[in-house]
Amino acid sequence: ENIADEKSWETAPFPTTKNSQWWMYCLPLDVD
């Protein structure tokens, strides 16, 4: 019921990606 509440979401950057590349596309996948 909180999905529609913007304040209930938490945002955080992946530290190793910060200001590093022009990231364009992401695929979630269990690689290993």
PDB file of all heavy atoms in Angstrom:
ATOM      1  N   GLU A   1       0.813  -1.217   0.000  1.00  0.00           N
ATOM      2  CA  GLU A   1       0.000   0.000   0.000  1.00  0.00           C
ATOM      3  C   GLU A   1       0.847   1.267   0.000  1.00  0.00           C
ATOM      4  O   GLU A   1       0.333   2.366  -0.233  1.00  0.00           O
ATOM      5  CB  GLU A   1      -0.960   0.011   1.198  1.00  0.00           C
ATOM      6  CG  GLU A   1      -0.279  -0.105   2.543  1.00  0.00           C
ATOM      7  CD  GLU A   1      -0.209  -1.538   3.047  1.00  0.00           C
ATOM      8  OE1 GLU A   1      -0.212  -2.455   2.200  1.00  0.00           O
ATOM      9  OE2 GLU A   1      -0.146  -1.727   4.268  1.00  0.00           O
ATOM     10  N   ASN A   2       2.146   1.135   0.273  1.00  0.00           N
ATOM     11  CA  ASN A   2       3.031   2.304   0.294  1.00  0.00           C
ATOM     12  C   ASN A   2       3.749   2.528  -1.031  1.00  0.00           C
ATOM     13  O   ASN A   2       4.523   3.484  -1.144  1.00  0.00           O
ATOM     14  CB  ASN A   2       4.057   2.167   1.410  1.00  0.00           C
ATOM     15  CG  ASN A   2       3.436   2.248   2.795  1.00  0.00           C
ATOM     16  OD1 ASN A   2       2.401   2.888   2.975  1.00  0.00           O
ATOM     17  ND2 ASN A   2       4.044   1.596   3.771  1.00  0.00           N
ATOM     18  N   ILE A   3       3.508   1.666  -2.014  1.00  0.00           N
ATOM     19  CA  ILE A   3       4.190   1.831  -3.297  1.00  0.00           C
ATOM     20  C   ILE A   3       3.884   3.187  -3.911  1.00  0.00           C
ATOM     21  O   ILE A   3       4.749   3.817  -4.535  1.00  0.00           O
ATOM     22  CB  ILE A   3       3.787   0.686  -4.255  1.00  0.00           C
ATOM     23  CG1 ILE A   3       4.402  -0.631  -3.765  1.00  0.00           C
ATOM     24  CG2 ILE A   3       4.234   0.988  -5.682  1.00  0.00           C
ATOM     25  CD1 ILE A   3       3.914  -1.841  -4.535  1.00  0.00           C
ATOM     26  N   ALA A   4       2.673   3.674  -3.730  1.00  0.00           N
ATOM     27  CA  ALA A   4       2.266   4.957  -4.313  1.00  0.00           C
ATOM     28  C   ALA A   4       2.703   6.155  -3.480  1.00  0.00           C
ATOM     29  O   ALA A   4       2.408   7.293  -3.835  1.00  0.00           O
ATOM     30  CB  ALA A   4       0.754   4.995  -4.504  1.00  0.00           C
ATOM     31  N   ASP A   5       3.440   5.918  -2.395  1.00  0.00           N
ATOM     32  CA  ASP A   5       3.917   6.992  -1.527  1.00  0.00           C
ATOM     33  C   ASP A   5       5.384   7.269  -1.838  1.00  0.00           C
ATOM     34  O   ASP A   5       6.267   6.476  -1.507  1.00  0.00           O
ATOM     35  CB  ASP A   5       3.754   6.593  -0.060  1.00  0.00           C
ATOM     36  CG  ASP A   5       4.274   7.660   0.899  1.00  0.00           C
ATOM     37  OD1 ASP A   5       4.563   8.793   0.449  1.00  0.00           O
ATOM     38  OD2 ASP A   5       4.417   7.342   2.102  1.00  0.00           O
ATOM     39  N   GLU A   6       5.630   8.407  -2.488  1.00  0.00           N
ATOM     40  CA  GLU A   6       6.998   8.731  -2.896  1.00  0.00           C
ATOM     41  C   GLU A   6       7.964   8.720  -1.717  1.00  0.00           C
ATOM     42  O   GLU A   6       9.112   8.267  -1.834  1.00  0.00           O
ATOM     43  CB  GLU A   6       7.011  10.108  -3.567  1.00  0.00           C
ATOM     44  CG  GLU A   6       8.395  10.589  -3.969  1.00  0.00           C
ATOM     45  CD  GLU A   6       8.375  11.946  -4.636  1.00  0.00           C
ATOM     46  OE1 GLU A   6       7.277  12.429  -4.966  1.00  0.00           O
ATOM     47  OE2 GLU A   6       9.468  12.526  -4.817  1.00  0.00           O
ATOM     48  N   LYS A   7       7.526   9.170  -0.557  1.00  0.00           N
ATOM     49  CA  LYS A   7       8.415   9.270   0.592  1.00  0.00           C
ATOM     50  C   LYS A   7       8.789   7.911   1.171  1.00  0.00           C
ATOM     51  O   LYS A   7       9.728   7.820   1.975  1.00  0.00           O
ATOM     52  CB  LYS A   7       7.757  10.130   1.667  1.00  0.00           C
ATOM     53  CG  LYS A   7       7.545  11.580   1.241  1.00  0.00           C
ATOM     54  CD  LYS A   7       6.886  12.400   2.351  1.00  0.00           C
ATOM     55  CE  LYS A   7       6.679  13.839   1.917  1.00  0.00           C
ATOM     56  NZ  LYS A   7       5.991  14.642   2.976  1.00  0.00           N
ATOM     57  N   SER A   8       8.079   6.861   0.775  1.00  0.00           N
ATOM     58  CA  SER A   8       8.374   5.526   1.296  1.00  0.00           C
ATOM     59  C   SER A   8       9.494   4.833   0.526  1.00  0.00           C
ATOM     60  O   SER A   8       9.991   3.788   0.959  1.00  0.00           O
ATOM     61  CB  SER A   8       7.111   4.656   1.261  1.00  0.00           C
ATOM     62  OG  SER A   8       6.125   5.162   2.136  1.00  0.00           O
ATOM     63  N   TRP A   9       9.880   5.388  -0.604  1.00  0.00           N
ATOM     64  CA  TRP A   9      10.969   4.813  -1.400  1.00  0.00           C
ATOM     65  C   TRP A   9      12.314   5.372  -0.927  1.00  0.00           C
ATOM     66  O   TRP A   9      12.408   6.534  -0.537  1.00  0.00           O
ATOM     67  CB  TRP A   9      10.767   5.133  -2.877  1.00  0.00           C
ATOM     68  CG  TRP A   9       9.655   4.366  -3.515  1.00  0.00           C
ATOM     69  CD1 TRP A   9       8.316   4.612  -3.420  1.00  0.00           C
ATOM     70  CD2 TRP A   9       9.785   3.216  -4.348  1.00  0.00           C
ATOM     71  NE1 TRP A   9       7.598   3.691  -4.135  1.00  0.00           N
ATOM     72  CE2 TRP A   9       8.474   2.823  -4.727  1.00  0.00           C
ATOM     73  CE3 TRP A   9      10.870   2.489  -4.828  1.00  0.00           C
ATOM     74  CZ2 TRP A   9       8.228   1.732  -5.558  1.00  0.00           C
ATOM     75  CZ3 TRP A   9      10.635   1.398  -5.658  1.00  0.00           C
ATOM     76  CH2 TRP A   9       9.329   1.029  -6.013  1.00  0.00           C
ATOM     77  N   GLU A  10      13.348   4.550  -0.982  1.00  0.00           N
ATOM     78  CA  GLU A  10      14.696   4.966  -0.621  1.00  0.00           C
ATOM     79  C   GLU A  10      15.615   4.816  -1.833  1.00  0.00           C
ATOM     80  O   GLU A  10      15.626   3.766  -2.474  1.00  0.00           O
ATOM     81  CB  GLU A  10      15.230   4.115   0.533  1.00  0.00           C
ATOM     82  CG  GLU A  10      14.414   4.193   1.806  1.00  0.00           C
ATOM     83  CD  GLU A  10      14.960   3.282   2.890  1.00  0.00           C
ATOM     84  OE1 GLU A  10      16.150   2.912   2.798  1.00  0.00           O
ATOM     85  OE2 GLU A  10      14.195   2.927   3.802  1.00  0.00           O
ATOM     86  N   THR A  11      16.370   5.865  -2.122  1.00  0.00           N
ATOM     87  CA  THR A  11      17.263   5.868  -3.284  1.00  0.00           C
ATOM     88  C   THR A  11      18.707   5.933  -2.826  1.00  0.00           C
ATOM     89  O   THR A  11      19.047   6.703  -1.926  1.00  0.00           O
ATOM     90  CB  THR A  11      16.945   7.059  -4.196  1.00  0.00           C
ATOM     91  OG1 THR A  11      15.645   6.886  -4.768  1.00  0.00           O
ATOM     92  CG2 THR A  11      17.967   7.172  -5.324  1.00  0.00           C
ATOM     93  N   ALA A  12      19.562   5.130  -3.480  1.00  0.00           N
ATOM     94  CA  ALA A  12      20.985   5.144  -3.152  1.00  0.00           C
ATOM     95  C   ALA A  12      21.793   4.811  -4.403  1.00  0.00           C
ATOM     96  O   ALA A  12      21.368   3.993  -5.230  1.00  0.00           O
ATOM     97  CB  ALA A  12      21.295   4.141  -2.044  1.00  0.00           C
ATOM     98  N   PRO A  13      22.969   5.415  -4.573  1.00  0.00           N
ATOM     99  CA  PRO A  13      23.818   5.127  -5.730  1.00  0.00           C
ATOM    100  C   PRO A  13      24.740   3.936  -5.455  1.00  0.00           C
ATOM    101  O   PRO A  13      25.154   3.698  -4.322  1.00  0.00           O
ATOM    102  CB  PRO A  13      24.642   6.405  -5.887  1.00  0.00           C
ATOM    103  CG  PRO A  13      24.799   6.895  -4.474  1.00  0.00           C
ATOM    104  CD  PRO A  13      23.510   6.532  -3.763  1.00  0.00           C
ATOM    105  N   PHE A  14      25.037   3.187  -6.492  1.00  0.00           N
ATOM    106  CA  PHE A  14      26.113   2.207  -6.390  1.00  0.00           C
ATOM    107  C   PHE A  14      27.434   2.969  -6.407  1.00  0.00           C
ATOM    108  O   PHE A  14      27.755   3.623  -7.412  1.00  0.00           O
ATOM    109  CB  PHE A  14      26.048   1.212  -7.549  1.00  0.00           C
ATOM    110  CG  PHE A  14      24.906   0.239  -7.454  1.00  0.00           C
ATOM    111  CD1 PHE A  14      23.672   0.541  -8.013  1.00  0.00           C
ATOM    112  CD2 PHE A  14      25.074  -0.974  -6.808  1.00  0.00           C
ATOM    113  CE1 PHE A  14      22.613  -0.361  -7.934  1.00  0.00           C
ATOM    114  CE2 PHE A  14      24.018  -1.883  -6.717  1.00  0.00           C
ATOM    115  CZ  PHE A  14      22.790  -1.567  -7.276  1.00  0.00           C
ATOM    116  N   PRO A  15      28.210   2.907  -5.333  1.00  0.00           N
ATOM    117  CA  PRO A  15      29.412   3.753  -5.227  1.00  0.00           C
ATOM    118  C   PRO A  15      30.389   3.581  -6.390  1.00  0.00           C
ATOM    119  O   PRO A  15      31.000   4.564  -6.842  1.00  0.00           O
ATOM    120  CB  PRO A  15      30.032   3.311  -3.898  1.00  0.00           C
ATOM    121  CG  PRO A  15      28.887   2.800  -3.101  1.00  0.00           C
ATOM    122  CD  PRO A  15      27.982   2.136  -4.091  1.00  0.00           C
ATOM    123  N   THR A  16      30.552   2.347  -6.878  1.00  0.00           N
ATOM    124  CA  THR A  16      31.544   2.117  -7.930  1.00  0.00           C
ATOM    125  C   THR A  16      31.126   2.696  -9.275  1.00  0.00           C
ATOM    126  O   THR A  16      31.945   2.747 -10.206  1.00  0.00           O
ATOM    127  CB  THR A  16      31.800   0.615  -8.102  1.00  0.00           C
ATOM    128  OG1 THR A  16      30.570  -0.046  -8.404  1.00  0.00           O
ATOM    129  CG2 THR A  16      32.409   0.027  -6.828  1.00  0.00           C
ATOM    130  N   THR A  17      29.870   3.128  -9.397  1.00  0.00           N
ATOM    131  CA  THR A  17      29.399   3.677 -10.673  1.00  0.00           C
ATOM    132  C   THR A  17      29.306   5.199 -10.670  1.00  0.00           C
ATOM    133  O   THR A  17      29.030   5.790 -11.715  1.00  0.00           O
ATOM    134  CB  THR A  17      28.007   3.122 -11.023  1.00  0.00           C
ATOM    135  OG1 THR A  17      27.019   3.681 -10.133  1.00  0.00           O
ATOM    136  CG2 THR A  17      27.972   1.611 -10.920  1.00  0.00           C
ATOM    137  N   LYS A  18      29.513   5.841  -9.544  1.00  0.00           N
ATOM    138  CA  LYS A  18      29.243   7.272  -9.421  1.00  0.00           C
ATOM    139  C   LYS A  18      30.118   8.100 -10.358  1.00  0.00           C
ATOM    140  O   LYS A  18      31.342   7.985 -10.355  1.00  0.00           O
ATOM    141  CB  LYS A  18      29.451   7.732  -7.977  1.00  0.00           C
ATOM    142  CG  LYS A  18      28.376   7.228  -7.012  1.00  0.00           C
ATOM    143  CD  LYS A  18      28.589   7.768  -5.605  1.00  0.00           C
ATOM    144  CE  LYS A  18      28.395   9.268  -5.550  1.00  0.00           C
ATOM    145  NZ  LYS A  18      28.480   9.767  -4.150  1.00  0.00           N
ATOM    146  N   ASN A  19      29.443   8.908 -11.174  1.00  0.00           N
ATOM    147  CA  ASN A  19      30.110   9.862 -12.071  1.00  0.00           C
ATOM    148  C   ASN A  19      31.174   9.204 -12.937  1.00  0.00           C
ATOM    149  O   ASN A  19      32.197   9.810 -13.249  1.00  0.00           O
ATOM    150  CB  ASN A  19      30.752  10.995 -11.254  1.00  0.00           C
ATOM    151  CG  ASN A  19      29.748  11.710 -10.392  1.00  0.00           C
ATOM    152  OD1 ASN A  19      28.678  12.084 -10.847  1.00  0.00           O
ATOM    153  ND2 ASN A  19      30.083  11.886  -9.113  1.00  0.00           N
ATOM    154  N   SER A  20      30.915   7.964 -13.357  1.00  0.00           N
ATOM    155  CA  SER A  20      31.975   7.206 -14.018  1.00  0.00           C
ATOM    156  C   SER A  20      31.739   6.997 -15.508  1.00  0.00           C
ATOM    157  O   SER A  20      32.669   7.123 -16.308  1.00  0.00           O
ATOM    158  CB  SER A  20      32.146   5.841 -13.343  1.00  0.00           C
ATOM    159  OG  SER A  20      30.932   5.102 -13.397  1.00  0.00           O
ATOM    160  N   GLN A  21      30.515   6.630 -15.893  1.00  0.00           N
ATOM    161  CA  GLN A  21      30.221   6.334 -17.290  1.00  0.00           C
ATOM    162  C   GLN A  21      28.802   6.804 -17.628  1.00  0.00           C
ATOM    163  O   GLN A  21      27.981   6.984 -16.734  1.00  0.00           O
ATOM    164  CB  GLN A  21      30.334   4.826 -17.566  1.00  0.00           C
ATOM    165  CG  GLN A  21      31.725   4.248 -17.342  1.00  0.00           C
ATOM    166  CD  GLN A  21      31.779   2.765 -17.594  1.00  0.00           C
ATOM    167  OE1 GLN A  21      31.321   2.276 -18.625  1.00  0.00           O
ATOM    168  NE2 GLN A  21      32.352   2.018 -16.651  1.00  0.00           N
ATOM    169  N   TRP A  22      28.540   6.947 -18.918  1.00  0.00           N
ATOM    170  CA  TRP A  22      27.198   7.292 -19.378  1.00  0.00           C
ATOM    171  C   TRP A  22      26.388   5.997 -19.449  1.00  0.00           C
ATOM    172  O   TRP A  22      26.298   5.350 -20.492  1.00  0.00           O
ATOM    173  CB  TRP A  22      27.261   7.947 -20.760  1.00  0.00           C
ATOM    174  CG  TRP A  22      27.919   9.301 -20.771  1.00  0.00           C
ATOM    175  CD1 TRP A  22      29.161   9.626 -20.315  1.00  0.00           C
ATOM    176  CD2 TRP A  22      27.356  10.504 -21.282  1.00  0.00           C
ATOM    177  NE1 TRP A  22      29.415  10.947 -20.515  1.00  0.00           N
ATOM    178  CE2 TRP A  22      28.326  11.523 -21.108  1.00  0.00           C
ATOM    179  CE3 TRP A  22      26.142  10.836 -21.879  1.00  0.00           C
ATOM    180  CZ2 TRP A  22      28.104  12.841 -21.512  1.00  0.00           C
ATOM    181  CZ3 TRP A  22      25.917  12.138 -22.287  1.00  0.00           C
ATOM    182  CH2 TRP A  22      26.886  13.120 -22.093  1.00  0.00           C
ATOM    183  N   TRP A  23      25.765   5.627 -18.334  1.00  0.00           N
ATOM    184  CA  TRP A  23      25.081   4.347 -18.230  1.00  0.00           C
ATOM    185  C   TRP A  23      23.768   4.389 -19.016  1.00  0.00           C
ATOM    186  O   TRP A  23      22.958   5.287 -18.843  1.00  0.00           O
ATOM    187  CB  TRP A  23      24.813   4.006 -16.768  1.00  0.00           C
ATOM    188  CG  TRP A  23      26.069   3.927 -15.948  1.00  0.00           C
ATOM    189  CD1 TRP A  23      26.520   4.834 -15.037  1.00  0.00           C
ATOM    190  CD2 TRP A  23      27.045   2.883 -15.990  1.00  0.00           C
ATOM    191  NE1 TRP A  23      27.711   4.425 -14.493  1.00  0.00           N
ATOM    192  CE2 TRP A  23      28.056   3.229 -15.055  1.00  0.00           C
ATOM    193  CE3 TRP A  23      27.165   1.686 -16.693  1.00  0.00           C
ATOM    194  CZ2 TRP A  23      29.175   2.423 -14.828  1.00  0.00           C
ATOM    195  CZ3 TRP A  23      28.265   0.893 -16.479  1.00  0.00           C
ATOM    196  CH2 TRP A  23      29.252   1.255 -15.561  1.00  0.00           C
ATOM    197  N   MET A  24      23.546   3.352 -19.843  1.00  0.00           N
ATOM    198  CA  MET A  24      22.451   3.406 -20.809  1.00  0.00           C
ATOM    199  C   MET A  24      21.390   2.321 -20.654  1.00  0.00           C
ATOM    200  O   MET A  24      20.222   2.548 -20.947  1.00  0.00           O
ATOM    201  CB  MET A  24      23.024   3.307 -22.235  1.00  0.00           C
ATOM    202  CG  MET A  24      24.002   4.412 -22.579  1.00  0.00           C
ATOM    203  SD  MET A  24      23.247   6.045 -22.531  1.00  0.00           S
ATOM    204  CE  MET A  24      22.136   5.953 -23.905  1.00  0.00           C
ATOM    205  N   TYR A  25      21.776   1.131 -20.227  1.00  0.00           N
ATOM    206  CA  TYR A  25      20.825   0.028 -20.217  1.00  0.00           C
ATOM    207  C   TYR A  25      21.253  -0.994 -19.180  1.00  0.00           C
ATOM    208  O   TYR A  25      22.447  -1.286 -19.039  1.00  0.00           O
ATOM    209  CB  TYR A  25      20.743  -0.640 -21.595  1.00  0.00           C
ATOM    210  CG  TYR A  25      19.522  -1.507 -21.788  1.00  0.00           C
ATOM    211  CD1 TYR A  25      18.324  -0.963 -22.212  1.00  0.00           C
ATOM    212  CD2 TYR A  25      19.577  -2.875 -21.544  1.00  0.00           C
ATOM    213  CE1 TYR A  25      17.191  -1.762 -22.395  1.00  0.00           C
ATOM    214  CE2 TYR A  25      18.457  -3.680 -21.719  1.00  0.00           C
ATOM    215  CZ  TYR A  25      17.269  -3.118 -22.140  1.00  0.00           C
ATOM    216  OH  TYR A  25      16.158  -3.896 -22.305  1.00  0.00           O
ATOM    217  N   CYS A  26      20.249  -1.568 -18.474  1.00  0.00           N
ATOM    218  CA  CYS A  26      20.536  -2.492 -17.386  1.00  0.00           C
ATOM    219  C   CYS A  26      19.720  -3.774 -17.553  1.00  0.00           C
ATOM    220  O   CYS A  26      18.520  -3.724 -17.828  1.00  0.00           O
ATOM    221  CB  CYS A  26      20.225  -1.836 -16.043  1.00  0.00           C
ATOM    222  SG  CYS A  26      20.457  -2.914 -14.618  1.00  0.00           S
ATOM    223  N   LEU A  27      20.372  -4.909 -17.357  1.00  0.00           N
ATOM    224  CA  LEU A  27      19.705  -6.210 -17.362  1.00  0.00           C
ATOM    225  C   LEU A  27      19.922  -6.891 -16.016  1.00  0.00           C
ATOM    226  O   LEU A  27      21.046  -7.273 -15.686  1.00  0.00           O
ATOM    227  CB  LEU A  27      20.258  -7.100 -18.475  1.00  0.00           C
ATOM    228  CG  LEU A  27      19.711  -8.540 -18.502  1.00  0.00           C
ATOM    229  CD1 LEU A  27      18.227  -8.530 -18.846  1.00  0.00           C
ATOM    230  CD2 LEU A  27      20.499  -9.405 -19.483  1.00  0.00           C
ATOM    231  N   PRO A  28      18.884  -7.056 -15.191  1.00  0.00           N
ATOM    232  CA  PRO A  28      19.011  -7.854 -13.970  1.00  0.00           C
ATOM    233  C   PRO A  28      19.133  -9.335 -14.332  1.00  0.00           C
ATOM    234  O   PRO A  28      18.329  -9.859 -15.099  1.00  0.00           O
ATOM    235  CB  PRO A  28      17.699  -7.570 -13.220  1.00  0.00           C
ATOM    236  CG  PRO A  28      17.146  -6.316 -13.861  1.00  0.00           C
ATOM    237  CD  PRO A  28      17.578  -6.391 -15.284  1.00  0.00           C
ATOM    238  N   LEU A  29      20.149 -10.003 -13.780  1.00  0.00           N
ATOM    239  CA  LEU A  29      20.409 -11.395 -14.140  1.00  0.00           C
ATOM    240  C   LEU A  29      21.280 -12.045 -13.074  1.00  0.00           C
ATOM    241  O   LEU A  29      22.252 -11.430 -12.595  1.00  0.00           O
ATOM    242  CB  LEU A  29      21.128 -11.456 -15.498  1.00  0.00           C
ATOM    243  CG  LEU A  29      21.502 -12.829 -16.030  1.00  0.00           C
ATOM    244  CD1 LEU A  29      20.243 -13.623 -16.401  1.00  0.00           C
ATOM    245  CD2 LEU A  29      22.432 -12.711 -17.225  1.00  0.00           C
ATOM    246  N   ASP A  30      20.949 -13.266 -12.713  1.00  0.00           N
ATOM    247  CA  ASP A  30      21.781 -14.023 -11.772  1.00  0.00           C
ATOM    248  C   ASP A  30      22.972 -14.591 -12.540  1.00  0.00           C
ATOM    249  O   ASP A  30      22.957 -15.733 -13.001  1.00  0.00           O
ATOM    250  CB  ASP A  30      20.964 -15.133 -11.118  1.00  0.00           C
ATOM    251  CG  ASP A  30      21.749 -15.892 -10.051  1.00  0.00           C
ATOM    252  OD1 ASP A  30      22.908 -15.513  -9.779  1.00  0.00           O
ATOM    253  OD2 ASP A  30      21.200 -16.866  -9.490  1.00  0.00           O
ATOM    254  N   VAL A  31      24.010 -13.803 -12.665  1.00  0.00           N
ATOM    255  CA  VAL A  31      25.167 -14.169 -13.479  1.00  0.00           C
ATOM    256  C   VAL A  31      25.862 -15.406 -12.919  1.00  0.00           C
ATOM    257  O   VAL A  31      26.166 -16.363 -13.643  1.00  0.00           O
ATOM    258  CB  VAL A  31      26.157 -12.992 -13.566  1.00  0.00           C
ATOM    259  CG1 VAL A  31      27.483 -13.444 -14.183  1.00  0.00           C
ATOM    260  CG2 VAL A  31      25.557 -11.847 -14.364  1.00  0.00           C
ATOM    261  N   ASP A  32      26.166 -15.404 -11.613  1.00  0.00           N
ATOM    262  CA  ASP A  32      26.983 -16.445 -11.000  1.00  0.00           C
ATOM    263  C   ASP A  32      26.160 -17.550 -10.346  1.00  0.00           C
ATOM    264  O   ASP A  32      26.691 -18.349  -9.566  1.00  0.00           O
ATOM    265  CB  ASP A  32      27.955 -15.844  -9.982  1.00  0.00           C
ATOM    266  CG  ASP A  32      27.270 -14.893  -9.012  1.00  0.00           C
ATOM    267  OD1 ASP A  32      26.032 -14.774  -9.054  1.00  0.00           O
ATOM    268  OD2 ASP A  32      27.987 -14.267  -8.210  1.00  0.00           O
TER     269      ASP A  32
END
